[in-house]
């Protein structure tokens, strides 16, 4: 446990940022899972809609600093490729 005042404040700030980042990252992961579920079900319309939402969520998480730029690019590429490969 921190003893100094600035260390106590740092712990509060870290927790606040961590909660914020977790919110964006979790939202992103959920959207990606929805796309993958739609692809498995071979529902092209649902997959397309879910893809739009997922890309928005991924971009939001990246802009907020919750995930790295390369991570977001990789995720977008993977899910877009899966949707495009559907019959």
N, C-alpha and C. Protein backbone atom coordinates (compact mmCIF):
# COMPACT_ATOMS: atom_id res chain seq x y z
N UNK A 1 0.85 -1.19 0.00
CA UNK A 1 0.00 0.00 0.00
C UNK A 1 0.89 1.24 0.00
N UNK A 2 0.56 2.22 -0.85
CA UNK A 2 1.39 3.43 -0.89
C UNK A 2 1.22 4.29 0.35
N UNK A 3 2.30 4.94 0.74
CA UNK A 3 2.27 5.81 1.92
C UNK A 3 2.24 7.29 1.56
N UNK A 4 2.93 7.64 0.48
CA UNK A 4 3.01 9.04 0.11
C UNK A 4 1.75 9.47 -0.64
N UNK A 5 1.45 10.76 -0.51
CA UNK A 5 0.22 11.29 -1.10
C UNK A 5 0.21 11.12 -2.62
N UNK A 6 1.33 11.40 -3.29
CA UNK A 6 1.36 11.28 -4.74
C UNK A 6 1.22 9.83 -5.20
N UNK A 7 1.74 8.90 -4.41
CA UNK A 7 1.61 7.49 -4.75
C UNK A 7 0.17 7.02 -4.59
N UNK A 8 -0.51 7.52 -3.56
CA UNK A 8 -1.92 7.18 -3.36
C UNK A 8 -2.76 7.68 -4.54
N UNK A 9 -2.46 8.90 -4.98
CA UNK A 9 -3.18 9.46 -6.12
C UNK A 9 -2.89 8.67 -7.39
N UNK A 10 -1.64 8.26 -7.55
CA UNK A 10 -1.26 7.49 -8.74
C UNK A 10 -2.05 6.18 -8.81
N UNK A 11 -2.25 5.54 -7.67
CA UNK A 11 -3.02 4.29 -7.63
C UNK A 11 -4.46 4.55 -8.08
N UNK A 12 -5.05 5.66 -7.61
CA UNK A 12 -6.42 6.01 -8.01
C UNK A 12 -6.50 6.25 -9.52
N UNK A 13 -5.53 7.00 -10.04
CA UNK A 13 -5.54 7.32 -11.47
C UNK A 13 -5.36 6.06 -12.31
N UNK A 14 -4.45 5.20 -11.88
CA UNK A 14 -4.21 3.94 -12.60
C UNK A 14 -5.48 3.11 -12.66
N UNK A 15 -6.17 3.00 -11.52
CA UNK A 15 -7.41 2.20 -11.48
C UNK A 15 -8.48 2.79 -12.39
N UNK A 16 -8.57 4.11 -12.40
CA UNK A 16 -9.56 4.78 -13.24
C UNK A 16 -9.27 4.52 -14.72
N UNK A 17 -8.01 4.67 -15.11
CA UNK A 17 -7.63 4.42 -16.51
C UNK A 17 -7.82 2.97 -16.89
N UNK A 18 -7.50 2.09 -15.97
CA UNK A 18 -7.63 0.66 -16.22
C UNK A 18 -9.09 0.30 -16.48
N UNK A 19 -10.01 0.84 -15.66
CA UNK A 19 -11.44 0.57 -15.86
C UNK A 19 -11.91 1.09 -17.22
N UNK A 20 -11.45 2.27 -17.59
CA UNK A 20 -11.83 2.86 -18.87
C UNK A 20 -11.32 2.01 -20.02
N UNK A 21 -10.06 1.61 -19.96
CA UNK A 21 -9.47 0.79 -21.03
C UNK A 21 -10.17 -0.55 -21.12
N UNK A 22 -10.49 -1.15 -19.97
CA UNK A 22 -11.18 -2.44 -19.97
C UNK A 22 -12.53 -2.34 -20.64
N UNK A 23 -13.22 -1.23 -20.42
CA UNK A 23 -14.55 -1.04 -21.04
C UNK A 23 -14.44 -1.07 -22.56
N UNK A 24 -13.49 -0.34 -23.12
CA UNK A 24 -13.33 -0.29 -24.57
C UNK A 24 -12.83 -1.62 -25.13
N UNK A 25 -11.89 -2.25 -24.45
CA UNK A 25 -11.33 -3.51 -24.93
C UNK A 25 -12.38 -4.62 -24.88
N UNK A 26 -13.18 -4.66 -23.82
CA UNK A 26 -14.22 -5.68 -23.69
C UNK A 26 -15.28 -5.50 -24.76
N UNK A 27 -15.67 -4.27 -25.00
CA UNK A 27 -16.65 -3.97 -26.03
C UNK A 27 -16.14 -4.42 -27.40
N UNK A 28 -14.88 -4.19 -27.66
CA UNK A 28 -14.26 -4.59 -28.92
C UNK A 28 -14.26 -6.11 -29.08
N UNK A 29 -13.85 -6.80 -28.03
CA UNK A 29 -13.78 -8.27 -28.09
C UNK A 29 -15.16 -8.88 -28.30
N UNK A 30 -16.18 -8.32 -27.66
CA UNK A 30 -17.54 -8.83 -27.81
C UNK A 30 -18.01 -8.65 -29.24
N UNK A 31 -17.72 -7.50 -29.83
CA UNK A 31 -18.12 -7.24 -31.22
C UNK A 31 -17.43 -8.22 -32.17
N UNK A 32 -16.17 -8.51 -31.91
CA UNK A 32 -15.43 -9.46 -32.76
C UNK A 32 -16.05 -10.85 -32.65
N UNK A 33 -16.42 -11.24 -31.45
CA UNK A 33 -17.04 -12.56 -31.25
C UNK A 33 -18.37 -12.66 -31.99
N UNK A 34 -19.13 -11.56 -32.03
CA UNK A 34 -20.41 -11.56 -32.75
C UNK A 34 -20.20 -11.78 -34.24
N UNK A 35 -19.15 -11.17 -34.78
CA UNK A 35 -18.84 -11.36 -36.20
C UNK A 35 -18.49 -12.82 -36.45
N UNK A 36 -17.64 -13.38 -35.60
CA UNK A 36 -17.22 -14.77 -35.78
C UNK A 36 -18.39 -15.74 -35.66
N UNK A 37 -19.33 -15.43 -34.76
CA UNK A 37 -20.52 -16.27 -34.61
C UNK A 37 -21.38 -16.22 -35.87
N UNK A 38 -21.55 -15.03 -36.43
CA UNK A 38 -22.34 -14.87 -37.66
C UNK A 38 -21.68 -15.59 -38.83
N UNK A 39 -20.36 -15.56 -38.88
CA UNK A 39 -19.63 -16.26 -39.95
C UNK A 39 -19.81 -17.76 -39.81
N UNK A 40 -19.74 -18.27 -38.58
CA UNK A 40 -19.94 -19.70 -38.35
C UNK A 40 -21.34 -20.14 -38.74
N UNK A 41 -22.33 -19.26 -38.49
CA UNK A 41 -23.71 -19.57 -38.84
C UNK A 41 -23.99 -19.36 -40.33
N UNK A 42 -22.98 -18.86 -41.07
CA UNK A 42 -23.07 -18.60 -42.50
C UNK A 42 -24.19 -17.61 -42.83
N UNK A 43 -24.35 -16.62 -41.96
CA UNK A 43 -25.35 -15.57 -42.17
C UNK A 43 -24.62 -14.32 -42.66
N UNK A 44 -24.61 -14.16 -43.99
CA UNK A 44 -23.81 -13.08 -44.60
C UNK A 44 -24.32 -11.69 -44.21
N UNK A 45 -25.64 -11.52 -44.13
CA UNK A 45 -26.21 -10.21 -43.79
C UNK A 45 -25.84 -9.83 -42.35
N UNK A 46 -26.05 -10.75 -41.43
CA UNK A 46 -25.72 -10.49 -40.03
C UNK A 46 -24.22 -10.27 -39.85
N UNK A 47 -23.42 -11.02 -40.59
CA UNK A 47 -21.97 -10.87 -40.50
C UNK A 47 -21.54 -9.49 -40.99
N UNK A 48 -22.16 -9.02 -42.05
CA UNK A 48 -21.84 -7.69 -42.57
C UNK A 48 -22.18 -6.59 -41.59
N UNK A 49 -23.36 -6.70 -40.98
CA UNK A 49 -23.77 -5.70 -39.98
C UNK A 49 -22.86 -5.75 -38.75
N UNK A 50 -22.56 -6.95 -38.31
CA UNK A 50 -21.70 -7.11 -37.13
C UNK A 50 -20.29 -6.61 -37.44
N UNK A 51 -19.85 -6.77 -38.68
CA UNK A 51 -18.52 -6.30 -39.08
C UNK A 51 -18.44 -4.78 -38.96
N UNK A 52 -19.47 -4.07 -39.41
CA UNK A 52 -19.48 -2.61 -39.31
C UNK A 52 -19.35 -2.17 -37.86
N UNK A 53 -20.13 -2.80 -36.99
CA UNK A 53 -20.09 -2.46 -35.56
C UNK A 53 -18.72 -2.78 -34.98
N UNK A 54 -18.18 -3.94 -35.34
CA UNK A 54 -16.89 -4.36 -34.79
C UNK A 54 -15.78 -3.40 -35.20
N UNK A 55 -15.79 -2.96 -36.44
CA UNK A 55 -14.74 -2.05 -36.90
C UNK A 55 -14.84 -0.72 -36.16
N UNK A 56 -16.06 -0.25 -35.91
CA UNK A 56 -16.23 0.99 -35.13
C UNK A 56 -15.67 0.82 -33.73
N UNK A 57 -16.00 -0.31 -33.10
CA UNK A 57 -15.54 -0.55 -31.73
C UNK A 57 -14.02 -0.70 -31.67
N UNK A 58 -13.44 -1.36 -32.67
CA UNK A 58 -11.99 -1.52 -32.71
C UNK A 58 -11.32 -0.16 -32.85
N UNK A 59 -11.84 0.67 -33.76
CA UNK A 59 -11.27 2.00 -33.95
C UNK A 59 -11.39 2.85 -32.69
N UNK A 60 -12.52 2.74 -32.01
CA UNK A 60 -12.73 3.51 -30.78
C UNK A 60 -11.72 3.08 -29.72
N UNK A 61 -11.53 1.77 -29.56
CA UNK A 61 -10.58 1.27 -28.56
C UNK A 61 -9.16 1.73 -28.89
N UNK A 62 -8.84 1.77 -30.17
CA UNK A 62 -7.51 2.22 -30.58
C UNK A 62 -7.32 3.70 -30.31
N UNK A 63 -8.33 4.50 -30.64
CA UNK A 63 -8.21 5.94 -30.44
C UNK A 63 -8.13 6.31 -28.97
N UNK A 64 -8.73 5.50 -28.11
CA UNK A 64 -8.68 5.75 -26.67
C UNK A 64 -7.41 5.18 -26.03
N UNK A 65 -6.63 4.42 -26.80
CA UNK A 65 -5.38 3.88 -26.28
C UNK A 65 -5.56 2.58 -25.52
N UNK A 66 -6.71 1.94 -25.65
CA UNK A 66 -6.95 0.69 -24.94
C UNK A 66 -6.23 -0.47 -25.59
N UNK A 67 -6.06 -0.41 -26.92
CA UNK A 67 -5.32 -1.45 -27.64
C UNK A 67 -4.33 -0.77 -28.59
N UNK A 68 -3.30 -1.50 -28.96
CA UNK A 68 -2.27 -0.95 -29.84
C UNK A 68 -2.76 -0.90 -31.28
N UNK A 69 -2.13 -0.04 -32.06
CA UNK A 69 -2.53 0.17 -33.45
C UNK A 69 -2.39 -1.11 -34.27
N UNK A 70 -1.28 -1.84 -34.09
CA UNK A 70 -1.08 -3.07 -34.86
C UNK A 70 -2.09 -4.14 -34.47
N UNK A 71 -2.45 -4.19 -33.19
CA UNK A 71 -3.45 -5.14 -32.71
C UNK A 71 -4.78 -4.87 -33.40
N UNK A 72 -5.18 -3.61 -33.47
CA UNK A 72 -6.46 -3.27 -34.09
C UNK A 72 -6.43 -3.57 -35.58
N UNK A 73 -5.33 -3.27 -36.24
CA UNK A 73 -5.21 -3.54 -37.67
C UNK A 73 -5.31 -5.04 -37.94
N UNK A 74 -4.66 -5.83 -37.10
CA UNK A 74 -4.69 -7.28 -37.26
C UNK A 74 -6.11 -7.82 -37.07
N UNK A 75 -6.81 -7.33 -36.03
CA UNK A 75 -8.17 -7.80 -35.77
C UNK A 75 -9.12 -7.42 -36.91
N UNK A 76 -9.02 -6.19 -37.39
CA UNK A 76 -9.88 -5.76 -38.49
C UNK A 76 -9.62 -6.59 -39.74
N UNK A 77 -8.35 -6.84 -40.02
CA UNK A 77 -7.98 -7.63 -41.19
C UNK A 77 -8.54 -9.04 -41.10
N UNK A 78 -8.40 -9.66 -39.94
CA UNK A 78 -8.86 -11.04 -39.77
C UNK A 78 -10.37 -11.18 -39.94
N UNK A 79 -11.12 -10.29 -39.28
CA UNK A 79 -12.58 -10.44 -39.36
C UNK A 79 -13.10 -10.04 -40.73
N UNK A 80 -12.48 -9.06 -41.37
CA UNK A 80 -12.91 -8.67 -42.72
C UNK A 80 -12.65 -9.81 -43.69
N UNK A 81 -11.51 -10.45 -43.54
CA UNK A 81 -11.17 -11.58 -44.41
C UNK A 81 -12.17 -12.72 -44.23
N UNK A 82 -12.54 -13.00 -42.98
CA UNK A 82 -13.51 -14.07 -42.72
C UNK A 82 -14.85 -13.77 -43.36
N UNK A 83 -15.30 -12.52 -43.25
CA UNK A 83 -16.60 -12.14 -43.84
C UNK A 83 -16.52 -12.20 -45.37
N UNK A 84 -15.43 -11.74 -45.95
CA UNK A 84 -15.30 -11.74 -47.41
C UNK A 84 -15.17 -13.13 -47.99
N UNK A 85 -14.66 -14.09 -47.21
CA UNK A 85 -14.50 -15.45 -47.69
C UNK A 85 -15.79 -16.25 -47.66
N UNK A 86 -16.84 -15.69 -47.06
CA UNK A 86 -18.13 -16.40 -47.03
C UNK A 86 -18.68 -16.50 -48.45
N UNK A 87 -19.43 -17.57 -48.71
CA UNK A 87 -20.00 -17.77 -50.04
C UNK A 87 -21.07 -16.77 -50.35
